[in-house]
PDB file of N, CA and C in Angstrom:
ATOM      1  N   MET A   1       0.776  -1.177   0.083  1.00  0.00           N
ATOM      2  CA  MET A   1      -0.033  -0.025   0.006  1.00  0.00           C
ATOM      3  C   MET A   1       0.903   1.227  -0.024  1.00  0.00           C
ATOM      4  N   LYS A   2       0.579   2.184  -0.832  1.00  0.00           N
ATOM      5  CA  LYS A   2       1.362   3.474  -0.792  1.00  0.00           C
ATOM      6  C   LYS A   2       0.335   4.469  -0.102  1.00  0.00           C
ATOM      7  N   ILE A   3       0.928   5.199   0.841  1.00  0.00           N
ATOM      8  CA  ILE A   3       0.224   6.248   1.563  1.00  0.00           C
ATOM      9  C   ILE A   3       0.684   7.583   1.125  1.00  0.00           C
ATOM     10  N   TYR A   4      -0.218   8.447   0.803  1.00  0.00           N
ATOM     11  CA  TYR A   4       0.207   9.757   0.297  1.00  0.00           C
ATOM     12  C   TYR A   4      -0.376  10.806   1.357  1.00  0.00           C
ATOM     13  N   THR A   5       0.365  11.854   1.587  1.00  0.00           N
ATOM     14  CA  THR A   5      -0.088  13.004   2.345  1.00  0.00           C
ATOM     15  C   THR A   5      -0.107  14.190   1.578  1.00  0.00           C
ATOM     16  N   ASN A   6       0.437  14.079   0.303  1.00  0.00           N
ATOM     17  CA  ASN A   6       0.257  15.261  -0.673  1.00  0.00           C
ATOM     18  C   ASN A   6      -0.647  14.834  -1.713  1.00  0.00           C
ATOM     19  N   LEU A   7      -1.839  15.632  -1.849  1.00  0.00           N
ATOM     20  CA  LEU A   7      -2.905  15.195  -2.790  1.00  0.00           C
ATOM     21  C   LEU A   7      -2.392  15.634  -4.242  1.00  0.00           C
ATOM     22  N   LYS A   8      -1.463  16.517  -4.412  1.00  0.00           N
ATOM     23  CA  LYS A   8      -1.078  16.917  -5.695  1.00  0.00           C
ATOM     24  C   LYS A   8      -0.225  15.692  -6.278  1.00  0.00           C
ATOM     25  N   LEU A   9       0.768  15.241  -5.409  1.00  0.00           N
ATOM     26  CA  LEU A   9       1.511  14.096  -5.928  1.00  0.00           C
ATOM     27  C   LEU A   9       0.668  12.794  -6.105  1.00  0.00           C
ATOM     28  N   LEU A  10      -0.411  12.598  -5.244  1.00  0.00           N
ATOM     29  CA  LEU A  10      -1.343  11.505  -5.497  1.00  0.00           C
ATOM     30  C   LEU A  10      -2.050  11.543  -6.896  1.00  0.00           C
ATOM     31  N   ARG A  11      -2.480  12.798  -7.206  1.00  0.00           N
ATOM     32  CA  ARG A  11      -3.044  13.036  -8.599  1.00  0.00           C
ATOM     33  C   ARG A  11      -2.049  12.715  -9.694  1.00  0.00           C
ATOM     34  N   GLU A  12      -0.926  13.190  -9.594  1.00  0.00           N
ATOM     35  CA  GLU A  12       0.132  12.882 -10.620  1.00  0.00           C
ATOM     36  C   GLU A  12       0.332  11.453 -10.803  1.00  0.00           C
ATOM     37  N   ASP A  13       0.448  10.732  -9.696  1.00  0.00           N
ATOM     38  CA  ASP A  13       0.755   9.326  -9.801  1.00  0.00           C
ATOM     39  C   ASP A  13      -0.501   8.526 -10.283  1.00  0.00           C
ATOM     40  N   VAL A  14      -1.653   9.025  -9.986  1.00  0.00           N
ATOM     41  CA  VAL A  14      -2.898   8.368 -10.461  1.00  0.00           C
ATOM     42  C   VAL A  14      -3.156   8.514 -11.878  1.00  0.00           C
ATOM     43  N   MET A  15      -2.849   9.741 -12.423  1.00  0.00           N
ATOM     44  CA  MET A  15      -2.858   9.994 -13.815  1.00  0.00           C
ATOM     45  C   MET A  15      -1.900   9.178 -14.650  1.00  0.00           C
ATOM     46  N   LYS A  16      -0.643   9.019 -14.158  1.00  0.00           N
ATOM     47  CA  LYS A  16       0.229   8.189 -14.871  1.00  0.00           C
ATOM     48  C   LYS A  16      -0.200   6.698 -14.898  1.00  0.00           C
ATOM     49  N   LEU A  17      -0.733   6.304 -13.687  1.00  0.00           N
ATOM     50  CA  LEU A  17      -1.139   4.853 -13.715  1.00  0.00           C
ATOM     51  C   LEU A  17      -2.369   4.619 -14.517  1.00  0.00           C
ATOM     52  N   ILE A  18      -3.289   5.504 -14.567  1.00  0.00           N
ATOM     53  CA  ILE A  18      -4.437   5.449 -15.431  1.00  0.00           C
ATOM     54  C   ILE A  18      -4.064   5.430 -16.868  1.00  0.00           C
ATOM     55  N   HIS A  19      -3.141   6.373 -17.314  1.00  0.00           N
ATOM     56  CA  HIS A  19      -2.727   6.293 -18.658  1.00  0.00           C
ATOM     57  C   HIS A  19      -1.875   5.180 -19.107  1.00  0.00           C
ATOM     58  N   SER A  20      -1.271   4.556 -18.150  1.00  0.00           N
ATOM     59  CA  SER A  20      -0.618   3.309 -18.385  1.00  0.00           C
ATOM     60  C   SER A  20      -1.411   1.992 -18.245  1.00  0.00           C
ATOM     61  N   LYS A  21      -2.852   2.334 -17.999  1.00  0.00           N
ATOM     62  CA  LYS A  21      -3.800   1.209 -17.795  1.00  0.00           C
ATOM     63  C   LYS A  21      -3.394   0.303 -16.637  1.00  0.00           C
ATOM     64  N   ARG A  22      -2.843   0.930 -15.652  1.00  0.00           N
ATOM     65  CA  ARG A  22      -2.568   0.188 -14.383  1.00  0.00           C
ATOM     66  C   ARG A  22      -3.644   0.483 -13.257  1.00  0.00           C
ATOM     67  N   TYR A  23      -4.811  -0.084 -13.416  1.00  0.00           N
ATOM     68  CA  TYR A  23      -5.872   0.242 -12.528  1.00  0.00           C
ATOM     69  C   TYR A  23      -6.803  -1.055 -12.505  1.00  0.00           C
ATOM     70  N   GLU A  24      -7.458  -1.198 -11.346  1.00  0.00           N
ATOM     71  CA  GLU A  24      -8.436  -2.312 -11.222  1.00  0.00           C
ATOM     72  C   GLU A  24      -9.781  -1.706 -10.755  1.00  0.00           C
ATOM     73  N   ILE A  25     -10.745  -2.163 -11.161  1.00  0.00           N
ATOM     74  CA  ILE A  25     -12.163  -1.691 -10.695  1.00  0.00           C
ATOM     75  C   ILE A  25     -12.905  -2.795 -10.132  1.00  0.00           C
ATOM     76  N   ASN A  26     -13.324  -2.562  -8.817  1.00  0.00           N
ATOM     77  CA  ASN A  26     -14.048  -3.607  -8.181  1.00  0.00           C
ATOM     78  C   ASN A  26     -15.524  -3.552  -8.625  1.00  0.00           C
ATOM     79  N   TRP A  27     -15.766  -4.180  -9.952  1.00  0.00           N
ATOM     80  CA  TRP A  27     -17.001  -4.121 -10.467  1.00  0.00           C
ATOM     81  C   TRP A  27     -18.182  -4.799  -9.593  1.00  0.00           C
ATOM     82  N   ARG A  28     -17.800  -5.883  -9.040  1.00  0.00           N
ATOM     83  CA  ARG A  28     -18.852  -6.698  -8.291  1.00  0.00           C
ATOM     84  C   ARG A  28     -19.436  -5.794  -7.193  1.00  0.00           C
ATOM     85  N   HIS A  29     -18.756  -5.009  -6.498  1.00  0.00           N
ATOM     86  CA  HIS A  29     -19.343  -4.022  -5.524  1.00  0.00           C
ATOM     87  C   HIS A  29     -20.052  -2.873  -6.220  1.00  0.00           C
ATOM     88  N   ILE A  30     -19.347  -2.381  -7.231  1.00  0.00           N
ATOM     89  CA  ILE A  30     -20.001  -1.133  -7.853  1.00  0.00           C
ATOM     90  C   ILE A  30     -21.242  -1.502  -8.577  1.00  0.00           C
ATOM     91  N   ARG A  31     -21.183  -2.436  -9.294  1.00  0.00           N
ATOM     92  CA  ARG A  31     -22.476  -2.891 -10.191  1.00  0.00           C
ATOM     93  C   ARG A  31     -23.665  -3.268  -9.333  1.00  0.00           C
ATOM     94  N   THR A  32     -23.458  -3.708  -8.200  1.00  0.00           N
ATOM     95  CA  THR A  32     -24.569  -4.088  -7.241  1.00  0.00           C
ATOM     96  C   THR A  32     -25.405  -2.817  -7.015  1.00  0.00           C
ATOM     97  N   HIS A  33     -24.731  -1.700  -6.826  1.00  0.00           N
ATOM     98  CA  HIS A  33     -25.481  -0.542  -6.394  1.00  0.00           C
ATOM     99  C   HIS A  33     -25.621   0.606  -7.659  1.00  0.00           C
ATOM    100  N   HIS A  34     -24.786   0.306  -8.599  1.00  0.00           N
ATOM    101  CA  HIS A  34     -24.968   1.256  -9.586  1.00  0.00           C
ATOM    102  C   HIS A  34     -24.554   0.493 -11.021  1.00  0.00           C
ATOM    103  N   PRO A  35     -25.684  -0.191 -11.460  1.00  0.00           N
ATOM    104  CA  PRO A  35     -25.547  -1.081 -12.696  1.00  0.00           C
ATOM    105  C   PRO A  35     -25.334  -0.258 -14.062  1.00  0.00           C
ATOM    106  N   ASP A  36     -25.658   0.953 -14.020  1.00  0.00           N
ATOM    107  CA  ASP A  36     -25.490   1.780 -15.271  1.00  0.00           C
ATOM    108  C   ASP A  36     -24.124   2.496 -15.378  1.00  0.00           C
ATOM    109  N   ILE A  37     -23.323   2.551 -14.367  1.00  0.00           N
ATOM    110  CA  ILE A  37     -22.046   3.215 -14.379  1.00  0.00           C
ATOM    111  C   ILE A  37     -21.128   2.618 -15.446  1.00  0.00           C
ATOM    112  N   LYS A  38     -20.403   3.490 -16.084  1.00  0.00           N
ATOM    113  CA  LYS A  38     -19.484   3.126 -17.141  1.00  0.00           C
ATOM    114  C   LYS A  38     -17.980   3.395 -16.616  1.00  0.00           C
ATOM    115  N   GLU A  39     -17.099   2.655 -17.280  1.00  0.00           N
ATOM    116  CA  GLU A  39     -15.694   2.785 -16.955  1.00  0.00           C
ATOM    117  C   GLU A  39     -15.236   4.225 -17.107  1.00  0.00           C
ATOM    118  N   ILE A  40     -15.631   4.786 -18.258  1.00  0.00           N
ATOM    119  CA  ILE A  40     -15.158   6.064 -18.536  1.00  0.00           C
ATOM    120  C   ILE A  40     -15.566   7.161 -17.484  1.00  0.00           C
ATOM    121  N   GLU A  41     -16.768   6.941 -16.864  1.00  0.00           N
ATOM    122  CA  GLU A  41     -17.258   7.873 -15.849  1.00  0.00           C
ATOM    123  C   GLU A  41     -16.314   7.837 -14.654  1.00  0.00           C
ATOM    124  N   ILE A  42     -15.865   6.627 -14.280  1.00  0.00           N
ATOM    125  CA  ILE A  42     -14.910   6.336 -13.168  1.00  0.00           C
ATOM    126  C   ILE A  42     -13.567   7.029 -13.472  1.00  0.00           C
ATOM    127  N   LEU A  43     -13.124   6.757 -14.561  1.00  0.00           N
ATOM    128  CA  LEU A  43     -11.732   7.330 -14.983  1.00  0.00           C
ATOM    129  C   LEU A  43     -11.768   8.657 -15.091  1.00  0.00           C
ATOM    130  N   ASN A  44     -12.797   9.357 -15.697  1.00  0.00           N
ATOM    131  CA  ASN A  44     -12.912  10.763 -15.762  1.00  0.00           C
ATOM    132  C   ASN A  44     -13.000  11.454 -14.474  1.00  0.00           C
ATOM    133  N   THR A  45     -13.680  10.798 -13.389  1.00  0.00           N
ATOM    134  CA  THR A  45     -13.755  11.306 -12.171  1.00  0.00           C
ATOM    135  C   THR A  45     -12.270  11.354 -11.469  1.00  0.00           C
ATOM    136  N   LEU A  46     -11.509  10.312 -11.747  1.00  0.00           N
ATOM    137  CA  LEU A  46     -10.174  10.202 -11.160  1.00  0.00           C
ATOM    138  C   LEU A  46      -9.266  11.324 -11.935  1.00  0.00           C
ATOM    139  N   ILE A  47      -9.486  11.515 -13.211  1.00  0.00           N
ATOM    140  CA  ILE A  47      -8.606  12.348 -13.927  1.00  0.00           C
ATOM    141  C   ILE A  47      -9.113  13.978 -13.722  1.00  0.00           C
ATOM    142  N   TYR A  48     -10.203  14.203 -13.723  1.00  0.00           N
ATOM    143  CA  TYR A  48     -10.712  15.607 -13.673  1.00  0.00           C
ATOM    144  C   TYR A  48     -11.263  16.034 -12.185  1.00  0.00           C
ATOM    145  N   GLY A  49     -11.460  15.141 -11.410  1.00  0.00           N
ATOM    146  CA  GLY A  49     -12.141  15.315 -10.071  1.00  0.00           C
ATOM    147  C   GLY A  49     -11.204  16.099  -9.037  1.00  0.00           C
ATOM    148  N   ILE A  50     -11.915  16.441  -7.956  1.00  0.00           N
ATOM    149  CA  ILE A  50     -11.275  17.108  -6.807  1.00  0.00           C
ATOM    150  C   ILE A  50     -10.914  15.876  -5.887  1.00  0.00           C
ATOM    151  N   TYR A  51      -9.654  15.980  -5.414  1.00  0.00           N
ATOM    152  CA  TYR A  51      -9.038  14.821  -4.563  1.00  0.00           C
ATOM    153  C   TYR A  51      -9.341  15.208  -3.094  1.00  0.00           C
ATOM    154  N   GLY A  52      -9.409  14.022  -2.424  1.00  0.00           N
ATOM    155  CA  GLY A  52      -9.553  14.307  -0.832  1.00  0.00           C
ATOM    156  C   GLY A  52      -9.116  12.946  -0.219  1.00  0.00           C
ATOM    157  N   PHE A  53      -9.087  13.033   1.071  1.00  0.00           N
ATOM    158  CA  PHE A  53      -8.900  11.857   1.907  1.00  0.00           C
ATOM    159  C   PHE A  53     -10.148  11.167   2.256  1.00  0.00           C
ATOM    160  N   ASP A  54     -10.297   9.859   2.138  1.00  0.00           N
ATOM    161  CA  ASP A  54     -11.459   9.093   2.523  1.00  0.00           C
ATOM    162  C   ASP A  54     -11.548   9.029   3.966  1.00  0.00           C
ATOM    163  N   LYS A  55     -12.576   9.622   4.528  1.00  0.00           N
ATOM    164  CA  LYS A  55     -12.751   9.649   5.996  1.00  0.00           C
ATOM    165  C   LYS A  55     -13.094   8.275   6.578  1.00  0.00           C
ATOM    166  N   LYS A  56     -13.631   7.362   5.841  1.00  0.00           N
ATOM    167  CA  LYS A  56     -13.896   6.111   6.200  1.00  0.00           C
ATOM    168  C   LYS A  56     -12.703   5.166   6.267  1.00  0.00           C
ATOM    169  N   HIS A  57     -11.653   5.484   5.453  1.00  0.00           N
ATOM    170  CA  HIS A  57     -10.481   4.608   5.450  1.00  0.00           C
ATOM    171  C   HIS A  57      -9.207   5.595   5.472  1.00  0.00           C
ATOM    172  N   LYS A  58      -9.092   6.199   6.538  1.00  0.00           N
ATOM    173  CA  LYS A  58      -8.042   7.327   6.702  1.00  0.00           C
ATOM    174  C   LYS A  58      -6.667   6.927   6.312  1.00  0.00           C
ATOM    175  N   GLU A  59      -6.347   5.636   6.653  1.00  0.00           N
ATOM    176  CA  GLU A  59      -4.925   5.226   6.533  1.00  0.00           C
ATOM    177  C   GLU A  59      -4.507   5.034   5.043  1.00  0.00           C
ATOM    178  N   GLU A  60      -5.487   4.500   4.239  1.00  0.00           N
ATOM    179  CA  GLU A  60      -5.218   4.129   2.930  1.00  0.00           C
ATOM    180  C   GLU A  60      -6.072   4.590   1.868  1.00  0.00           C
ATOM    181  N   GLY A  61      -7.133   5.135   2.078  1.00  0.00           N
ATOM    182  CA  GLY A  61      -8.210   5.560   1.099  1.00  0.00           C
ATOM    183  C   GLY A  61      -8.257   6.966   0.727  1.00  0.00           C
ATOM    184  N   TYR A  62      -8.669   7.197  -0.486  1.00  0.00           N
ATOM    185  CA  TYR A  62      -8.737   8.517  -1.124  1.00  0.00           C
ATOM    186  C   TYR A  62     -10.124   8.542  -1.924  1.00  0.00           C
ATOM    187  N   ILE A  63     -10.565   9.859  -2.021  1.00  0.00           N
ATOM    188  CA  ILE A  63     -11.697   9.946  -2.966  1.00  0.00           C
ATOM    189  C   ILE A  63     -11.439  10.979  -4.008  1.00  0.00           C
ATOM    190  N   SER A  64     -12.264  10.900  -5.036  1.00  0.00           N
ATOM    191  CA  SER A  64     -12.212  11.962  -6.032  1.00  0.00           C
ATOM    192  C   SER A  64     -13.750  12.219  -6.425  1.00  0.00           C
ATOM    193  N   LYS A  65     -14.000  13.535  -6.457  1.00  0.00           N
ATOM    194  CA  LYS A  65     -15.383  13.902  -6.786  1.00  0.00           C
ATOM    195  C   LYS A  65     -15.476  14.829  -8.070  1.00  0.00           C
ATOM    196  N   ALA A  66     -16.489  14.683  -8.867  1.00  0.00           N
ATOM    197  CA  ALA A  66     -16.572  15.433 -10.008  1.00  0.00           C
ATOM    198  C   ALA A  66     -18.099  15.577 -10.382  1.00  0.00           C
ATOM    199  N   LYS A  67     -18.342  16.708 -11.099  1.00  0.00           N
ATOM    200  CA  LYS A  67     -19.730  17.014 -11.472  1.00  0.00           C
ATOM    201  C   LYS A  67     -19.733  16.938 -13.051  1.00  0.00           C
ATOM    202  N   PHE A  68     -20.668  16.114 -13.407  1.00  0.00           N
ATOM    203  CA  PHE A  68     -20.768  15.956 -14.942  1.00  0.00           C
ATOM    204  C   PHE A  68     -22.240  16.569 -15.339  1.00  0.00           C
ATOM    205  N   PRO A  69     -22.351  17.136 -16.378  1.00  0.00           N
ATOM    206  CA  PRO A  69     -23.722  17.653 -16.785  1.00  0.00           C
ATOM    207  C   PRO A  69     -24.867  16.640 -16.949  1.00  0.00           C
ATOM    208  N   TYR A  70     -24.553  15.503 -17.279  1.00  0.00           N
ATOM    209  CA  TYR A  70     -25.593  14.494 -17.551  1.00  0.00           C
ATOM    210  C   TYR A  70     -25.977  13.721 -16.208  1.00  0.00           C
ATOM    211  N   ARG A  71     -25.328  13.937 -15.095  1.00  0.00           N
ATOM    212  CA  ARG A  71     -25.613  13.277 -13.860  1.00  0.00           C
ATOM    213  C   ARG A  71     -26.371  14.415 -12.936  1.00  0.00           C
ATOM    214  N   THR A  72     -27.234  13.821 -12.194  1.00  0.00           N
ATOM    215  CA  THR A  72     -27.999  14.682 -11.253  1.00  0.00           C
ATOM    216  C   THR A  72     -27.229  15.237 -10.074  1.00  0.00           C
ATOM    217  N   GLY A  73     -26.118  14.536  -9.725  1.00  0.00           N
ATOM    218  CA  GLY A  73     -25.351  15.019  -8.454  1.00  0.00           C
ATOM    219  C   GLY A  73     -23.980  14.867  -8.768  1.00  0.00           C
ATOM    220  N   TRP A  74     -23.139  14.899  -7.689  1.00  0.00           N
ATOM    221  CA  TRP A  74     -21.670  14.900  -7.774  1.00  0.00           C
ATOM    222  C   TRP A  74     -21.381  13.347  -7.781  1.00  0.00           C
ATOM    223  N   VAL A  75     -20.434  12.921  -8.610  1.00  0.00           N
ATOM    224  CA  VAL A  75     -19.846  11.529  -8.655  1.00  0.00           C
ATOM    225  C   VAL A  75     -18.664  11.470  -7.756  1.00  0.00           C
ATOM    226  N   ARG A  76     -18.782  10.431  -6.904  1.00  0.00           N
ATOM    227  CA  ARG A  76     -17.796  10.172  -5.924  1.00  0.00           C
ATOM    228  C   ARG A  76     -17.105   8.867  -6.180  1.00  0.00           C
ATOM    229  N   VAL A  77     -15.746   8.791  -6.286  1.00  0.00           N
ATOM    230  CA  VAL A  77     -15.076   7.456  -6.626  1.00  0.00           C
ATOM    231  C   VAL A  77     -14.083   7.374  -5.234  1.00  0.00           C
ATOM    232  N   ALA A  78     -14.103   6.180  -4.718  1.00  0.00           N
ATOM    233  CA  ALA A  78     -13.254   5.791  -3.544  1.00  0.00           C
ATOM    234  C   ALA A  78     -12.163   4.887  -4.278  1.00  0.00           C
ATOM    235  N   PHE A  79     -10.948   5.165  -3.791  1.00  0.00           N
ATOM    236  CA  PHE A  79      -9.892   4.334  -4.382  1.00  0.00           C
ATOM    237  C   PHE A  79      -8.633   4.335  -3.424  1.00  0.00           C
ATOM    238  N   MET A  80      -7.652   3.497  -3.834  1.00  0.00           N
ATOM    239  CA  MET A  80      -6.358   3.391  -3.092  1.00  0.00           C
ATOM    240  C   MET A  80      -5.283   3.035  -4.026  1.00  0.00           C
ATOM    241  N   VAL A  81      -4.148   3.275  -3.729  1.00  0.00           N
ATOM    242  CA  VAL A  81      -3.019   2.910  -4.531  1.00  0.00           C
ATOM    243  C   VAL A  81      -2.228   1.800  -3.812  1.00  0.00           C
ATOM    244  N   LYS A  82      -2.044   0.642  -4.464  1.00  0.00           N
ATOM    245  CA  LYS A  82      -1.288  -0.474  -3.820  1.00  0.00           C
ATOM    246  C   LYS A  82      -0.367  -1.089  -4.878  1.00  0.00           C
ATOM    247  N   LYS A  83       0.396  -1.887  -4.299  1.00  0.00           N
ATOM    248  CA  LYS A  83       1.370  -2.761  -5.167  1.00  0.00           C
ATOM    249  C   LYS A  83       0.837  -4.089  -5.518  1.00  0.00           C
ATOM    250  N   VAL A  84       0.747  -4.320  -6.722  1.00  0.00           N
ATOM    251  CA  VAL A  84       0.305  -5.679  -7.201  1.00  0.00           C
ATOM    252  C   VAL A  84       1.409  -6.210  -8.096  1.00  0.00           C
ATOM    253  N   ASN A  85       1.975  -7.275  -7.843  1.00  0.00           N
ATOM    254  CA  ASN A  85       3.089  -7.911  -8.507  1.00  0.00           C
ATOM    255  C   ASN A  85       4.244  -6.968  -8.644  1.00  0.00           C
ATOM    256  N   GLY A  86       4.546  -6.115  -7.595  1.00  0.00           N
ATOM    257  CA  GLY A  86       5.602  -5.355  -7.600  1.00  0.00           C
ATOM    258  C   GLY A  86       5.426  -3.954  -8.346  1.00  0.00           C
ATOM    259  N   GLN A  87       4.257  -3.726  -8.768  1.00  0.00           N
ATOM    260  CA  GLN A  87       3.926  -2.451  -9.519  1.00  0.00           C
ATOM    261  C   GLN A  87       2.833  -1.759  -8.857  1.00  0.00           C
ATOM    262  N   LEU A  88       2.852  -0.418  -8.919  1.00  0.00           N
ATOM    263  CA  LEU A  88       1.742   0.358  -8.276  1.00  0.00           C
ATOM    264  C   LEU A  88       0.570   0.304  -9.127  1.00  0.00           C
ATOM    265  N   VAL A  89      -0.652   0.128  -8.611  1.00  0.00           N
ATOM    266  CA  VAL A  89      -1.927   0.011  -9.394  1.00  0.00           C
ATOM    267  C   VAL A  89      -2.956   0.788  -8.540  1.00  0.00           C
ATOM    268  N   VAL A  90      -3.765   1.602  -9.354  1.00  0.00           N
ATOM    269  CA  VAL A  90      -4.931   2.330  -8.673  1.00  0.00           C
ATOM    270  C   VAL A  90      -6.046   1.231  -8.521  1.00  0.00           C
ATOM    271  N   VAL A  91      -6.497   1.071  -7.315  1.00  0.00           N
ATOM    272  CA  VAL A  91      -7.693   0.213  -7.127  1.00  0.00           C
ATOM    273  C   VAL A  91      -8.954   0.948  -6.770  1.00  0.00           C
ATOM    274  N   ILE A  92      -9.901   0.983  -7.664  1.00  0.00           N
ATOM    275  CA  ILE A  92     -11.140   1.606  -7.463  1.00  0.00           C
ATOM    276  C   ILE A  92     -12.139   0.708  -6.609  1.00  0.00           C
ATOM    277  N   THR A  93     -12.455   1.196  -5.528  1.00  0.00           N
ATOM    278  CA  THR A  93     -13.157   0.357  -4.585  1.00  0.00           C
ATOM    279  C   THR A  93     -14.655   0.684  -4.595  1.00  0.00           C
ATOM    280  N   ALA A  94     -15.089   1.872  -4.893  1.00  0.00           N
ATOM    281  CA  ALA A  94     -16.555   2.270  -4.674  1.00  0.00           C
ATOM    282  C   ALA A  94     -16.744   3.442  -5.667  1.00  0.00           C
ATOM    283  N   PHE A  95     -18.181   3.573  -5.962  1.00  0.00           N
ATOM    284  CA  PHE A  95     -18.606   4.454  -6.736  1.00  0.00           C
ATOM    285  C   PHE A  95     -19.975   4.961  -6.137  1.00  0.00           C
ATOM    286  N   GLU A  96     -20.187   6.339  -6.159  1.00  0.00           N
ATOM    287  CA  GLU A  96     -21.477   6.849  -5.542  1.00  0.00           C
ATOM    288  C   GLU A  96     -21.842   8.103  -6.263  1.00  0.00           C
ATOM    289  N   GLU A  97     -23.131   8.275  -6.401  1.00  0.00           N
ATOM    290  CA  GLU A  97     -23.618   9.562  -6.960  1.00  0.00           C
ATOM    291  C   GLU A  97     -24.334  10.356  -5.805  1.00  0.00           C
ATOM    292  N   GLU A  98     -23.789  11.388  -5.461  1.00  0.00           N
ATOM    293  CA  GLU A  98     -24.411  12.172  -4.262  1.00  0.00           C
ATOM    294  C   GLU A  98     -25.474  13.112  -4.914  1.00  0.00           C
ATOM    295  N   LYS A  99     -26.595  13.072  -4.556  1.00  0.00           N
ATOM    296  CA  LYS A  99     -27.836  13.832  -4.992  1.00  0.00           C
ATOM    297  C   LYS A  99     -27.624  15.190  -4.467  1.00  0.00           C
ATOM    298  N   THR A 100     -27.952  16.144  -5.394  1.00  0.00           N
ATOM    299  CA  THR A 100     -27.831  17.543  -4.945  1.00  0.00           C
ATOM    300  C   THR A 100     -29.279  18.194  -4.862  1.00  0.00           C
TER     301      THR A 100
END
């Protein structure tokens, strides 16, 4: 697990990992609650969203929030950065749409 205290550095690393296709999405959990969500929405939230620390998983979790015109609320993606087979990977653990 890689722990970040600097959100700017986190964003830089996440962008590199996404562009290198080094990410995993926990579809089983996400599709149960959001069957219509698309991969591009999750990735766009990570690329263009506002980063923060996940209050539920303080030690290792982060969130990214974004507002898209076709959604009624803010999109929130929970994720972490961990090592898989010796390489860093973004692991997307949850998706949520916050109603406004």
